[in-house]
C-alpha atoms as a PDB file:
ATOM      1  CA  UNK A   1     -24.028  56.153  -1.981  1.00  0.00           C
ATOM      2  CA  UNK A   2     -26.082  57.393   0.865  1.00  0.00           C
ATOM      3  CA  UNK A   3     -28.832  56.046   2.979  1.00  0.00           C
ATOM      4  CA  UNK A   4     -31.511  56.757   0.470  1.00  0.00           C
ATOM      5  CA  UNK A   5     -29.686  55.284  -2.478  1.00  0.00           C
ATOM      6  CA  UNK A   6     -28.697  51.963  -0.937  1.00  0.00           C
ATOM      7  CA  UNK A   7     -30.978  49.596   0.953  1.00  0.00           C
ATOM      8  CA  UNK A   8     -31.931  45.960   1.137  1.00  0.00           C
ATOM      9  CA  UNK A   9     -33.710  46.182  -2.189  1.00  0.00           C
ATOM     10  CA  UNK A  10     -30.791  47.434  -4.054  1.00  0.00           C
ATOM     11  CA  UNK A  11     -28.533  44.891  -2.350  1.00  0.00           C
ATOM     12  CA  UNK A  12     -30.764  42.088  -3.609  1.00  0.00           C
ATOM     13  CA  UNK A  13     -30.732  43.635  -7.042  1.00  0.00           C
ATOM     14  CA  UNK A  14     -26.970  43.632  -7.019  1.00  0.00           C
ATOM     15  CA  UNK A  15     -26.785  39.956  -5.980  1.00  0.00           C
ATOM     16  CA  UNK A  16     -29.229  39.012  -8.790  1.00  0.00           C
ATOM     17  CA  UNK A  17     -27.286  40.961 -11.348  1.00  0.00           C
ATOM     18  CA  UNK A  18     -23.999  39.391 -10.233  1.00  0.00           C
ATOM     19  CA  UNK A  19     -25.480  35.899 -10.331  1.00  0.00           C
ATOM     20  CA  UNK A  20     -27.232  36.536 -13.679  1.00  0.00           C
ATOM     21  CA  UNK A  21     -24.115  37.753 -15.543  1.00  0.00           C
ATOM     22  CA  UNK A  22     -21.972  35.044 -14.068  1.00  0.00           C
ATOM     23  CA  UNK A  23     -24.498  32.308 -14.896  1.00  0.00           C
ATOM     24  CA  UNK A  24     -24.980  33.478 -18.447  1.00  0.00           C
ATOM     25  CA  UNK A  25     -21.261  33.753 -19.163  1.00  0.00           C
ATOM     26  CA  UNK A  26     -20.410  30.392 -17.652  1.00  0.00           C
ATOM     27  CA  UNK A  27     -23.356  28.649 -19.344  1.00  0.00           C
ATOM     28  CA  UNK A  28     -22.198  30.012 -22.795  1.00  0.00           C
ATOM     29  CA  UNK A  29     -18.640  28.867 -22.131  1.00  0.00           C
ATOM     30  CA  UNK A  30     -19.728  25.436 -21.051  1.00  0.00           C
ATOM     31  CA  UNK A  31     -22.003  24.953 -24.020  1.00  0.00           C
ATOM     32  CA  UNK A  32     -19.117  25.629 -26.399  1.00  0.00           C
ATOM     33  CA  UNK A  33     -16.442  23.621 -24.556  1.00  0.00           C
ATOM     34  CA  UNK A  34     -17.956  20.579 -22.815  1.00  0.00           C
ATOM     35  CA  UNK A  35     -18.247  17.467 -24.818  1.00  0.00           C
ATOM     36  CA  UNK A  36     -17.849  13.645 -24.505  1.00  0.00           C
ATOM     37  CA  UNK A  37     -14.037  14.183 -24.425  1.00  0.00           C
ATOM     38  CA  UNK A  38     -14.436  16.259 -21.350  1.00  0.00           C
ATOM     39  CA  UNK A  39     -15.319  13.098 -19.418  1.00  0.00           C
ATOM     40  CA  UNK A  40     -12.052  11.488 -20.448  1.00  0.00           C
ATOM     41  CA  UNK A  41     -10.135  14.580 -19.394  1.00  0.00           C
ATOM     42  CA  UNK A  42     -11.730  14.569 -15.940  1.00  0.00           C
ATOM     43  CA  UNK A  43     -10.183  11.130 -15.334  1.00  0.00           C
ATOM     44  CA  UNK A  44      -6.714  12.804 -15.301  1.00  0.00           C
ATOM     45  CA  UNK A  45      -7.625  14.909 -12.190  1.00  0.00           C
ATOM     46  CA  UNK A  46      -4.879  15.069  -9.580  1.00  0.00           C
ATOM     47  CA  UNK A  47      -6.378  15.188  -6.026  1.00  0.00           C
ATOM     48  CA  UNK A  48      -3.020  16.371  -4.662  1.00  0.00           C
ATOM     49  CA  UNK A  49      -2.887  19.505  -6.782  1.00  0.00           C
ATOM     50  CA  UNK A  50      -6.602  20.289  -6.135  1.00  0.00           C
ATOM     51  CA  UNK A  51      -5.824  20.089  -2.392  1.00  0.00           C
ATOM     52  CA  UNK A  52      -2.866  22.418  -2.859  1.00  0.00           C
ATOM     53  CA  UNK A  53      -5.090  24.775  -4.797  1.00  0.00           C
ATOM     54  CA  UNK A  54      -7.531  24.892  -1.802  1.00  0.00           C
ATOM     55  CA  UNK A  55      -4.630  25.417   0.580  1.00  0.00           C
ATOM     56  CA  UNK A  56      -3.332  28.207  -1.589  1.00  0.00           C
ATOM     57  CA  UNK A  57      -6.728  30.000  -1.541  1.00  0.00           C
ATOM     58  CA  UNK A  58      -6.940  29.586   2.249  1.00  0.00           C
ATOM     59  CA  UNK A  59      -3.443  31.089   2.759  1.00  0.00           C
ATOM     60  CA  UNK A  60      -4.306  33.946   0.377  1.00  0.00           C
ATOM     61  CA  UNK A  61      -7.330  34.845   2.597  1.00  0.00           C
ATOM     62  CA  UNK A  62      -5.280  34.397   5.795  1.00  0.00           C
ATOM     63  CA  UNK A  63      -2.484  36.733   4.721  1.00  0.00           C
ATOM     64  CA  UNK A  64      -5.005  39.282   3.333  1.00  0.00           C
ATOM     65  CA  UNK A  65      -6.736  39.421   6.677  1.00  0.00           C
ATOM     66  CA  UNK A  66      -3.403  39.553   8.479  1.00  0.00           C
ATOM     67  CA  UNK A  67      -2.069  42.466   6.484  1.00  0.00           C
ATOM     68  CA  UNK A  68      -5.136  44.636   7.326  1.00  0.00           C
ATOM     69  CA  UNK A  69      -4.217  44.198  10.970  1.00  0.00           C
ATOM     70  CA  UNK A  70      -0.698  45.317  10.411  1.00  0.00           C
ATOM     71  CA  UNK A  71      -1.907  48.380   8.521  1.00  0.00           C
ATOM     72  CA  UNK A  72      -3.992  49.233  11.572  1.00  0.00           C
ATOM     73  CA  UNK A  73      -0.956  48.727  13.792  1.00  0.00           C
ATOM     74  CA  UNK A  74       1.035  51.074  11.604  1.00  0.00           C
ATOM     75  CA  UNK A  75      -1.582  53.743  12.518  1.00  0.00           C
ATOM     76  CA  UNK A  76      -1.198  53.038  16.245  1.00  0.00           C
ATOM     77  CA  UNK A  77      -4.544  51.164  16.301  1.00  0.00           C
ATOM     78  CA  UNK A  78      -5.602  47.573  16.744  1.00  0.00           C
ATOM     79  CA  UNK A  79      -8.052  45.723  14.501  1.00  0.00           C
ATOM     80  CA  UNK A  80      -9.242  42.341  15.836  1.00  0.00           C
ATOM     81  CA  UNK A  81      -9.066  39.188  13.835  1.00  0.00           C
ATOM     82  CA  UNK A  82     -12.816  39.090  13.497  1.00  0.00           C
ATOM     83  CA  UNK A  83     -12.879  42.717  12.516  1.00  0.00           C
ATOM     84  CA  UNK A  84     -10.222  42.123   9.859  1.00  0.00           C
ATOM     85  CA  UNK A  85     -12.170  39.065   8.680  1.00  0.00           C
ATOM     86  CA  UNK A  86     -15.286  41.193   8.139  1.00  0.00           C
ATOM     87  CA  UNK A  87     -13.168  43.929   6.563  1.00  0.00           C
ATOM     88  CA  UNK A  88     -11.736  41.513   4.008  1.00  0.00           C
ATOM     89  CA  UNK A  89     -14.330  38.840   3.261  1.00  0.00           C
ATOM     90  CA  UNK A  90     -17.321  41.089   3.891  1.00  0.00           C
ATOM     91  CA  UNK A  91     -15.720  43.599   1.608  1.00  0.00           C
ATOM     92  CA  UNK A  92     -15.387  40.944  -1.094  1.00  0.00           C
ATOM     93  CA  UNK A  93     -19.106  40.125  -0.833  1.00  0.00           C
ATOM     94  CA  UNK A  94     -20.326  43.775  -1.088  1.00  0.00           C
ATOM     95  CA  UNK A  95     -17.774  44.476  -3.744  1.00  0.00           C
ATOM     96  CA  UNK A  96     -19.093  41.649  -5.841  1.00  0.00           C
ATOM     97  CA  UNK A  97     -22.715  42.864  -5.781  1.00  0.00           C
ATOM     98  CA  UNK A  98     -22.180  46.596  -6.354  1.00  0.00           C
ATOM     99  CA  UNK A  99     -21.055  48.469  -9.598  1.00  0.00           C
ATOM    100  CA  UNK A 100     -17.303  49.117  -9.882  1.00  0.00           C
ATOM    101  CA  UNK A 101     -16.881  46.921  -6.817  1.00  0.00           C
ATOM    102  CA  UNK A 102     -17.102  49.935  -4.527  1.00  0.00           C
ATOM    103  CA  UNK A 103     -19.678  48.506  -2.123  1.00  0.00           C
ATOM    104  CA  UNK A 104     -17.079  47.099   0.237  1.00  0.00           C
ATOM    105  CA  UNK A 105     -15.770  50.487   1.223  1.00  0.00           C
ATOM    106  CA  UNK A 106     -18.717  51.557   3.518  1.00  0.00           C
ATOM    107  CA  UNK A 107     -18.637  48.176   5.317  1.00  0.00           C
ATOM    108  CA  UNK A 108     -14.881  48.501   5.814  1.00  0.00           C
ATOM    109  CA  UNK A 109     -15.247  51.993   7.235  1.00  0.00           C
ATOM    110  CA  UNK A 110     -18.090  50.704   9.450  1.00  0.00           C
ATOM    111  CA  UNK A 111     -15.887  47.874  10.778  1.00  0.00           C
ATOM    112  CA  UNK A 112     -12.974  50.299  11.451  1.00  0.00           C
ATOM    113  CA  UNK A 113     -15.305  52.737  13.294  1.00  0.00           C
ATOM    114  CA  UNK A 114     -16.868  49.964  15.360  1.00  0.00           C
ATOM    115  CA  UNK A 115     -13.364  49.096  16.594  1.00  0.00           C
ATOM    116  CA  UNK A 116     -12.318  52.613  17.487  1.00  0.00           C
ATOM    117  CA  UNK A 117     -10.623  53.626  14.247  1.00  0.00           C
ATOM    118  CA  UNK A 118     -11.730  57.042  13.044  1.00  0.00           C
ATOM    119  CA  UNK A 119     -13.186  57.609   9.592  1.00  0.00           C
ATOM    120  CA  UNK A 120      -9.939  59.315   8.278  1.00  0.00           C
ATOM    121  CA  UNK A 121      -7.911  56.448   9.642  1.00  0.00           C
ATOM    122  CA  UNK A 122     -10.392  53.981   8.140  1.00  0.00           C
ATOM    123  CA  UNK A 123     -10.113  55.702   4.737  1.00  0.00           C
ATOM    124  CA  UNK A 124      -6.319  55.573   4.970  1.00  0.00           C
ATOM    125  CA  UNK A 125      -6.503  51.865   5.903  1.00  0.00           C
ATOM    126  CA  UNK A 126      -8.607  51.109   2.770  1.00  0.00           C
ATOM    127  CA  UNK A 127      -6.456  53.254   0.526  1.00  0.00           C
ATOM    128  CA  UNK A 128      -3.212  51.834   1.936  1.00  0.00           C
ATOM    129  CA  UNK A 129      -4.407  48.312   1.308  1.00  0.00           C
ATOM    130  CA  UNK A 130      -5.084  49.077  -2.299  1.00  0.00           C
ATOM    131  CA  UNK A 131      -1.762  50.855  -2.750  1.00  0.00           C
ATOM    132  CA  UNK A 132       0.227  48.000  -1.297  1.00  0.00           C
ATOM    133  CA  UNK A 133      -1.258  45.690  -3.860  1.00  0.00           C
ATOM    134  CA  UNK A 134      -0.632  48.171  -6.602  1.00  0.00           C
ATOM    135  CA  UNK A 135       3.016  48.580  -5.638  1.00  0.00           C
ATOM    136  CA  UNK A 136       3.624  44.898  -6.228  1.00  0.00           C
ATOM    137  CA  UNK A 137       2.920  45.313  -9.968  1.00  0.00           C
ATOM    138  CA  UNK A 138       5.969  47.322 -10.921  1.00  0.00           C
ATOM    139  CA  UNK A 139       8.210  44.471  -9.831  1.00  0.00           C
ATOM    140  CA  UNK A 140       6.167  42.017 -11.851  1.00  0.00           C
ATOM    141  CA  UNK A 141       5.943  43.937 -15.157  1.00  0.00           C
ATOM    142  CA  UNK A 142       9.625  43.250 -16.167  1.00  0.00           C
ATOM    143  CA  UNK A 143       8.861  39.520 -15.874  1.00  0.00           C
ATOM    144  CA  UNK A 144       5.822  39.986 -18.044  1.00  0.00           C
ATOM    145  CA  UNK A 145       7.833  41.609 -20.776  1.00  0.00           C
ATOM    146  CA  UNK A 146      10.661  39.078 -20.471  1.00  0.00           C
ATOM    147  CA  UNK A 147       8.308  36.138 -20.717  1.00  0.00           C
ATOM    148  CA  UNK A 148       5.959  37.795 -23.183  1.00  0.00           C
ATOM    149  CA  UNK A 149       7.856  36.390 -26.241  1.00  0.00           C
ATOM    150  CA  UNK A 150       6.630  32.920 -25.103  1.00  0.00           C
ATOM    151  CA  UNK A 151       3.023  33.936 -24.913  1.00  0.00           C
ATOM    152  CA  UNK A 152       1.425  33.138 -28.234  1.00  0.00           C
ATOM    153  CA  UNK A 153      -1.873  34.945 -27.675  1.00  0.00           C
ATOM    154  CA  UNK A 154      -1.753  38.390 -29.245  1.00  0.00           C
ATOM    155  CA  UNK A 155      -4.304  39.810 -26.785  1.00  0.00           C
ATOM    156  CA  UNK A 156      -1.944  38.982 -23.885  1.00  0.00           C
ATOM    157  CA  UNK A 157       0.713  41.288 -25.209  1.00  0.00           C
ATOM    158  CA  UNK A 158      -1.955  43.976 -25.626  1.00  0.00           C
ATOM    159  CA  UNK A 159      -3.086  43.598 -22.008  1.00  0.00           C
ATOM    160  CA  UNK A 160       0.529  43.749 -20.768  1.00  0.00           C
ATOM    161  CA  UNK A 161       0.978  47.077 -22.595  1.00  0.00           C
ATOM    162  CA  UNK A 162      -2.329  48.337 -21.241  1.00  0.00           C
ATOM    163  CA  UNK A 163      -1.332  47.476 -17.650  1.00  0.00           C
ATOM    164  CA  UNK A 164       2.053  49.202 -18.161  1.00  0.00           C
ATOM    165  CA  UNK A 165       0.469  52.373 -19.467  1.00  0.00           C
ATOM    166  CA  UNK A 166      -2.488  52.486 -17.126  1.00  0.00           C
ATOM    167  CA  UNK A 167      -0.615  51.808 -13.869  1.00  0.00           C
ATOM    168  CA  UNK A 168       2.153  54.079 -15.057  1.00  0.00           C
ATOM    169  CA  UNK A 169      -0.377  56.836 -15.448  1.00  0.00           C
ATOM    170  CA  UNK A 170      -1.837  56.022 -12.057  1.00  0.00           C
ATOM    171  CA  UNK A 171       1.683  56.414 -10.513  1.00  0.00           C
ATOM    172  CA  UNK A 172       2.031  59.805 -12.217  1.00  0.00           C
ATOM    173  CA  UNK A 173      -1.389  60.872 -10.807  1.00  0.00           C
ATOM    174  CA  UNK A 174      -0.370  59.525  -7.403  1.00  0.00           C
ATOM    175  CA  UNK A 175       2.741  61.783  -7.407  1.00  0.00           C
ATOM    176  CA  UNK A 176       0.721  64.872  -8.613  1.00  0.00           C
ATOM    177  CA  UNK A 177      -1.810  64.346  -5.847  1.00  0.00           C
ATOM    178  CA  UNK A 178       0.910  63.782  -3.291  1.00  0.00           C
ATOM    179  CA  UNK A 179       2.706  67.022  -4.153  1.00  0.00           C
ATOM    180  CA  UNK A 180      -0.207  69.170  -5.204  1.00  0.00           C
ATOM    181  CA  UNK A 181      -3.005  67.933  -3.025  1.00  0.00           C
ATOM    182  CA  UNK A 182      -4.736  71.345  -2.617  1.00  0.00           C
ATOM    183  CA  UNK A 183      -4.856  71.887  -6.370  1.00  0.00           C
ATOM    184  CA  UNK A 184      -6.351  68.512  -7.017  1.00  0.00           C
ATOM    185  CA  UNK A 185      -9.105  68.746  -4.327  1.00  0.00           C
ATOM    186  CA  UNK A 186     -10.177  72.087  -5.873  1.00  0.00           C
ATOM    187  CA  UNK A 187     -10.430  70.687  -9.347  1.00  0.00           C
ATOM    188  CA  UNK A 188     -11.739  67.111  -8.723  1.00  0.00           C
ATOM    189  CA  UNK A 189     -14.075  65.212  -6.464  1.00  0.00           C
ATOM    190  CA  UNK A 190     -14.539  61.508  -5.927  1.00  0.00           C
ATOM    191  CA  UNK A 191     -13.742  58.531  -3.739  1.00  0.00           C
ATOM    192  CA  UNK A 192     -10.187  58.284  -5.018  1.00  0.00           C
ATOM    193  CA  UNK A 193      -9.261  61.899  -4.250  1.00  0.00           C
ATOM    194  CA  UNK A 194     -11.089  61.724  -0.861  1.00  0.00           C
ATOM    195  CA  UNK A 195      -9.274  58.514   0.008  1.00  0.00           C
ATOM    196  CA  UNK A 196      -5.899  59.982  -0.896  1.00  0.00           C
ATOM    197  CA  UNK A 197      -6.421  63.057   1.088  1.00  0.00           C
ATOM    198  CA  UNK A 198      -7.163  60.966   4.144  1.00  0.00           C
ATOM    199  CA  UNK A 199      -4.282  58.667   3.334  1.00  0.00           C
ATOM    200  CA  UNK A 200      -1.851  61.496   3.139  1.00  0.00           C
ATOM    201  CA  UNK A 201      -3.042  63.116   6.356  1.00  0.00           C
ATOM    202  CA  UNK A 202      -2.854  59.972   8.314  1.00  0.00           C
ATOM    203  CA  UNK A 203       0.409  58.899   6.748  1.00  0.00           C
ATOM    204  CA  UNK A 204       2.117  62.081   7.726  1.00  0.00           C
ATOM    205  CA  UNK A 205       0.848  61.736  11.223  1.00  0.00           C
ATOM    206  CA  UNK A 206       0.968  58.014  11.899  1.00  0.00           C
ATOM    207  CA  UNK A 207       2.623  55.688   9.307  1.00  0.00           C
ATOM    208  CA  UNK A 208       5.948  57.509   9.294  1.00  0.00           C
ATOM    209  CA  UNK A 209       6.297  56.932  13.038  1.00  0.00           C
ATOM    210  CA  UNK A 210       5.824  53.138  12.679  1.00  0.00           C
ATOM    211  CA  UNK A 211       7.727  52.027   9.576  1.00  0.00           C
ATOM    212  CA  UNK A 212       8.265  48.399  10.672  1.00  0.00           C
ATOM    213  CA  UNK A 213       4.588  47.405  10.803  1.00  0.00           C
ATOM    214  CA  UNK A 214       3.966  49.242   7.481  1.00  0.00           C
ATOM    215  CA  UNK A 215       6.857  47.227   5.898  1.00  0.00           C
ATOM    216  CA  UNK A 216       5.486  44.061   7.358  1.00  0.00           C
ATOM    217  CA  UNK A 217       2.120  44.836   5.833  1.00  0.00           C
ATOM    218  CA  UNK A 218       3.787  45.219   2.516  1.00  0.00           C
ATOM    219  CA  UNK A 219       5.660  41.926   2.897  1.00  0.00           C
ATOM    220  CA  UNK A 220       2.393  40.142   3.860  1.00  0.00           C
ATOM    221  CA  UNK A 221       0.769  41.708   0.715  1.00  0.00           C
ATOM    222  CA  UNK A 222       3.366  39.864  -1.339  1.00  0.00           C
ATOM    223  CA  UNK A 223       2.561  36.626   0.415  1.00  0.00           C
ATOM    224  CA  UNK A 224      -1.217  37.086  -0.116  1.00  0.00           C
ATOM    225  CA  UNK A 225      -0.742  37.832  -3.829  1.00  0.00           C
ATOM    226  CA  UNK A 226       1.712  35.073  -4.435  1.00  0.00           C
ATOM    227  CA  UNK A 227      -0.737  32.456  -3.158  1.00  0.00           C
ATOM    228  CA  UNK A 228      -3.420  34.104  -5.237  1.00  0.00           C
ATOM    229  CA  UNK A 229      -1.298  34.030  -8.367  1.00  0.00           C
ATOM    230  CA  UNK A 230      -0.621  30.339  -7.772  1.00  0.00           C
ATOM    231  CA  UNK A 231      -4.253  29.471  -8.061  1.00  0.00           C
ATOM    232  CA  UNK A 232      -4.078  29.146 -11.909  1.00  0.00           C
ATOM    233  CA  UNK A 233      -0.977  26.916 -12.269  1.00  0.00           C
ATOM    234  CA  UNK A 234      -2.020  24.661  -9.323  1.00  0.00           C
ATOM    235  CA  UNK A 235      -5.584  24.241 -10.657  1.00  0.00           C
ATOM    236  CA  UNK A 236      -4.307  23.394 -14.104  1.00  0.00           C
ATOM    237  CA  UNK A 237      -2.109  20.656 -12.669  1.00  0.00           C
ATOM    238  CA  UNK A 238      -5.114  19.557 -10.545  1.00  0.00           C
ATOM    239  CA  UNK A 239      -7.060  19.080 -13.731  1.00  0.00           C
ATOM    240  CA  UNK A 240      -4.251  16.986 -15.169  1.00  0.00           C
ATOM    241  CA  UNK A 241      -3.228  19.668 -17.650  1.00  0.00           C
ATOM    242  CA  UNK A 242       0.594  19.800 -18.001  1.00  0.00           C
ATOM    243  CA  UNK A 243       1.369  23.422 -18.787  1.00  0.00           C
ATOM    244  CA  UNK A 244       4.338  25.727 -18.077  1.00  0.00           C
ATOM    245  CA  UNK A 245       4.029  26.765 -14.452  1.00  0.00           C
ATOM    246  CA  UNK A 246       5.506  30.202 -14.936  1.00  0.00           C
ATOM    247  CA  UNK A 247       3.382  30.998 -17.964  1.00  0.00           C
ATOM    248  CA  UNK A 248       0.136  30.165 -16.088  1.00  0.00           C
ATOM    249  CA  UNK A 249       1.284  32.253 -13.128  1.00  0.00           C
ATOM    250  CA  UNK A 250       1.964  35.292 -15.284  1.00  0.00           C
ATOM    251  CA  UNK A 251      -1.329  35.015 -16.954  1.00  0.00           C
ATOM    252  CA  UNK A 252      -2.947  34.916 -13.514  1.00  0.00           C
ATOM    253  CA  UNK A 253      -1.092  38.127 -12.642  1.00  0.00           C
ATOM    254  CA  UNK A 254      -2.194  39.834 -15.852  1.00  0.00           C
ATOM    255  CA  UNK A 255      -5.804  38.950 -15.399  1.00  0.00           C
ATOM    256  CA  UNK A 256      -5.814  39.884 -11.724  1.00  0.00           C
ATOM    257  CA  UNK A 257      -4.696  43.463 -12.371  1.00  0.00           C
ATOM    258  CA  UNK A 258      -6.716  43.885 -15.559  1.00  0.00           C
ATOM    259  CA  UNK A 259      -9.976  43.002 -13.659  1.00  0.00           C
ATOM    260  CA  UNK A 260      -9.478  45.676 -10.944  1.00  0.00           C
ATOM    261  CA  UNK A 261     -11.483  48.373 -12.697  1.00  0.00           C
ATOM    262  CA  UNK A 262     -14.184  46.402 -14.549  1.00  0.00           C
ATOM    263  CA  UNK A 263     -17.630  48.124 -14.303  1.00  0.00           C
ATOM    264  CA  UNK A 264     -19.814  45.060 -13.552  1.00  0.00           C
ATOM    265  CA  UNK A 265     -20.481  43.788 -10.036  1.00  0.00           C
ATOM    266  CA  UNK A 266     -17.518  41.740  -8.887  1.00  0.00           C
ATOM    267  CA  UNK A 267     -16.162  42.025 -12.502  1.00  0.00           C
ATOM    268  CA  UNK A 268     -18.654  39.288 -13.417  1.00  0.00           C
ATOM    269  CA  UNK A 269     -18.609  38.445 -17.068  1.00  0.00           C
ATOM    270  CA  UNK A 270     -15.329  40.055 -17.609  1.00  0.00           C
ATOM    271  CA  UNK A 271     -13.543  37.561 -15.226  1.00  0.00           C
ATOM    272  CA  UNK A 272     -14.993  34.510 -16.848  1.00  0.00           C
ATOM    273  CA  UNK A 273     -14.524  35.792 -20.328  1.00  0.00           C
ATOM    274  CA  UNK A 274     -10.936  36.942 -19.571  1.00  0.00           C
ATOM    275  CA  UNK A 275     -10.020  33.532 -18.196  1.00  0.00           C
ATOM    276  CA  UNK A 276     -11.437  31.942 -21.289  1.00  0.00           C
ATOM    277  CA  UNK A 277      -9.437  34.223 -23.631  1.00  0.00           C
ATOM    278  CA  UNK A 278      -6.146  34.176 -21.734  1.00  0.00           C
ATOM    279  CA  UNK A 279      -5.949  30.534 -20.935  1.00  0.00           C
ATOM    280  CA  UNK A 280      -7.492  28.880 -23.909  1.00  0.00           C
ATOM    281  CA  UNK A 281      -4.148  28.079 -25.575  1.00  0.00           C
ATOM    282  CA  UNK A 282      -2.872  26.229 -22.485  1.00  0.00           C
ATOM    283  CA  UNK A 283      -5.314  23.327 -22.577  1.00  0.00           C
ATOM    284  CA  UNK A 284      -7.687  21.316 -24.744  1.00  0.00           C
ATOM    285  CA  UNK A 285     -10.863  23.204 -25.578  1.00  0.00           C
ATOM    286  CA  UNK A 286     -12.827  20.280 -23.930  1.00  0.00           C
ATOM    287  CA  UNK A 287     -11.389  21.140 -20.542  1.00  0.00           C
ATOM    288  CA  UNK A 288     -11.436  24.944 -20.829  1.00  0.00           C
ATOM    289  CA  UNK A 289     -15.003  25.442 -19.559  1.00  0.00           C
ATOM    290  CA  UNK A 290     -14.374  23.253 -16.516  1.00  0.00           C
ATOM    291  CA  UNK A 291     -11.179  25.136 -15.758  1.00  0.00           C
ATOM    292  CA  UNK A 292     -12.933  28.531 -16.099  1.00  0.00           C
ATOM    293  CA  UNK A 293     -15.725  27.465 -13.666  1.00  0.00           C
ATOM    294  CA  UNK A 294     -13.338  26.174 -11.013  1.00  0.00           C
ATOM    295  CA  UNK A 295     -10.820  28.993 -11.469  1.00  0.00           C
ATOM    296  CA  UNK A 296     -13.628  31.510 -10.986  1.00  0.00           C
ATOM    297  CA  UNK A 297     -14.967  29.624  -7.950  1.00  0.00           C
ATOM    298  CA  UNK A 298     -11.621  29.672  -6.197  1.00  0.00           C
ATOM    299  CA  UNK A 299     -10.661  33.216  -7.080  1.00  0.00           C
ATOM    300  CA  UNK A 300     -14.032  34.885  -6.825  1.00  0.00           C
ATOM    301  CA  UNK A 301     -17.132  32.990  -5.805  1.00  0.00           C
ATOM    302  CA  UNK A 302     -15.699  31.304  -2.682  1.00  0.00           C
ATOM    303  CA  UNK A 303     -14.710  34.599  -1.078  1.00  0.00           C
ATOM    304  CA  UNK A 304     -18.139  36.055  -1.992  1.00  0.00           C
ATOM    305  CA  UNK A 305     -19.920  33.024  -0.475  1.00  0.00           C
ATOM    306  CA  UNK A 306     -17.875  33.099   2.798  1.00  0.00           C
ATOM    307  CA  UNK A 307     -18.280  36.847   3.042  1.00  0.00           C
ATOM    308  CA  UNK A 308     -22.044  36.620   2.369  1.00  0.00           C
ATOM    309  CA  UNK A 309     -22.550  34.020   5.160  1.00  0.00           C
ATOM    310  CA  UNK A 310     -20.412  36.126   7.494  1.00  0.00           C
ATOM    311  CA  UNK A 311     -22.594  39.174   6.935  1.00  0.00           C
ATOM    312  CA  UNK A 312     -25.908  37.384   6.954  1.00  0.00           C
ATOM    313  CA  UNK A 313     -26.361  37.875  10.696  1.00  0.00           C
ATOM    314  CA  UNK A 314     -25.401  41.537  10.471  1.00  0.00           C
ATOM    315  CA  UNK A 315     -27.852  42.097   7.580  1.00  0.00           C
ATOM    316  CA  UNK A 316     -30.617  40.309   9.575  1.00  0.00           C
ATOM    317  CA  UNK A 317     -30.945  43.432  11.695  1.00  0.00           C
ATOM    318  CA  UNK A 318     -33.503  45.904  10.242  1.00  0.00           C
ATOM    319  CA  UNK A 319     -31.837  49.036   8.864  1.00  0.00           C
ATOM    320  CA  UNK A 320     -28.298  47.665   9.158  1.00  0.00           C
ATOM    321  CA  UNK A 321     -27.605  47.873   5.502  1.00  0.00           C
ATOM    322  CA  UNK A 322     -28.671  51.487   5.269  1.00  0.00           C
ATOM    323  CA  UNK A 323     -26.694  52.230   8.453  1.00  0.00           C
ATOM    324  CA  UNK A 324     -23.541  50.752   6.942  1.00  0.00           C
ATOM    325  CA  UNK A 325     -23.830  52.716   3.665  1.00  0.00           C
ATOM    326  CA  UNK A 326     -24.824  55.964   5.377  1.00  0.00           C
ATOM    327  CA  UNK A 327     -21.297  56.086   6.870  1.00  0.00           C
ATOM    328  CA  UNK A 328     -19.983  57.321   3.500  1.00  0.00           C
ATOM    329  CA  UNK A 329     -21.991  60.502   3.951  1.00  0.00           C
ATOM    330  CA  UNK A 330     -20.304  61.070   7.338  1.00  0.00           C
ATOM    331  CA  UNK A 331     -16.957  60.329   5.803  1.00  0.00           C
ATOM    332  CA  UNK A 332     -17.529  62.800   2.988  1.00  0.00           C
ATOM    333  CA  UNK A 333     -18.599  65.608   5.347  1.00  0.00           C
ATOM    334  CA  UNK A 334     -15.104  65.779   6.874  1.00  0.00           C
ATOM    335  CA  UNK A 335     -13.290  66.020   3.424  1.00  0.00           C
ATOM    336  CA  UNK A 336     -12.810  69.819   3.550  1.00  0.00           C
ATOM    337  CA  UNK A 337     -11.300  69.793   7.020  1.00  0.00           C
ATOM    338  CA  UNK A 338      -8.921  66.988   6.211  1.00  0.00           C
ATOM    339  CA  UNK A 339      -7.970  68.545   2.866  1.00  0.00           C
ATOM    340  CA  UNK A 340      -6.882  71.674   4.578  1.00  0.00           C
ATOM    341  CA  UNK A 341      -4.738  69.742   7.036  1.00  0.00           C
ATOM    342  CA  UNK A 342      -3.223  67.664   4.196  1.00  0.00           C
END
């Protein structure tokens, strides 16, 4: 995206598309699930577990913000709490209203640059953040296969296989790019390759000198994801639905990683539909629609709302949106120089 391709009008269009897809999906789900029996089911709500769900969501955001700061420290830089807040929650908002969830990247680069972090270092920060989350999955896949025999939904087993193959392939590509960076940059273009070139260049120069902050960032990534994965089982208990805690957690893990590459803004439609398909066997149909709405609110909409309010003052300045997204052009211009150094 460049300055001409992204402006206030296209942002509003993305917001409308996100809201439209989400509204249609949720409406259809509620029509087919809500009935008179739903009222009876709501009487079983547990305020304690709903409060624990909210606390879990809060801690997920807190640790997600915290790990960005440690990634910056690993590069010998410092990112303020407010900067990390914009980086994380603002990125969620723009990711939700742009195709393939890529809209958060220019904002994150903009935040990094405004706090004295260069564009290559900003790219490395974004790329490292994604890699740390991806590197949690290999430790979780064995648990998925071990527990899979208890999952009665055939599509779940298919998704587990898909995740194993897809992320295994991604790991293979990661190794190829790491060892043959020059070959890859000659053959391919794109944000992934550009980001990896910058990541490799900065990693060789900075991260290897500060292993402890980098390891701390990885540990905090685990904490952030653990609280995120706990959203589903806590919410189910909050709705008075007695279901195996571990099974609900694993389903949350599966859905989380499966949604990472959905083409719609913020994975809208896919997230709601995926939750309906994966969790429908854990609860009465009459409560499924309510669960999907609340689950989506806590795992998606809440971050988008908070991020949107946080960015509202920034977007109030004329031309600010175009300025943020024009930074990707400046970032791309330095690719050739960084590729040679990588």
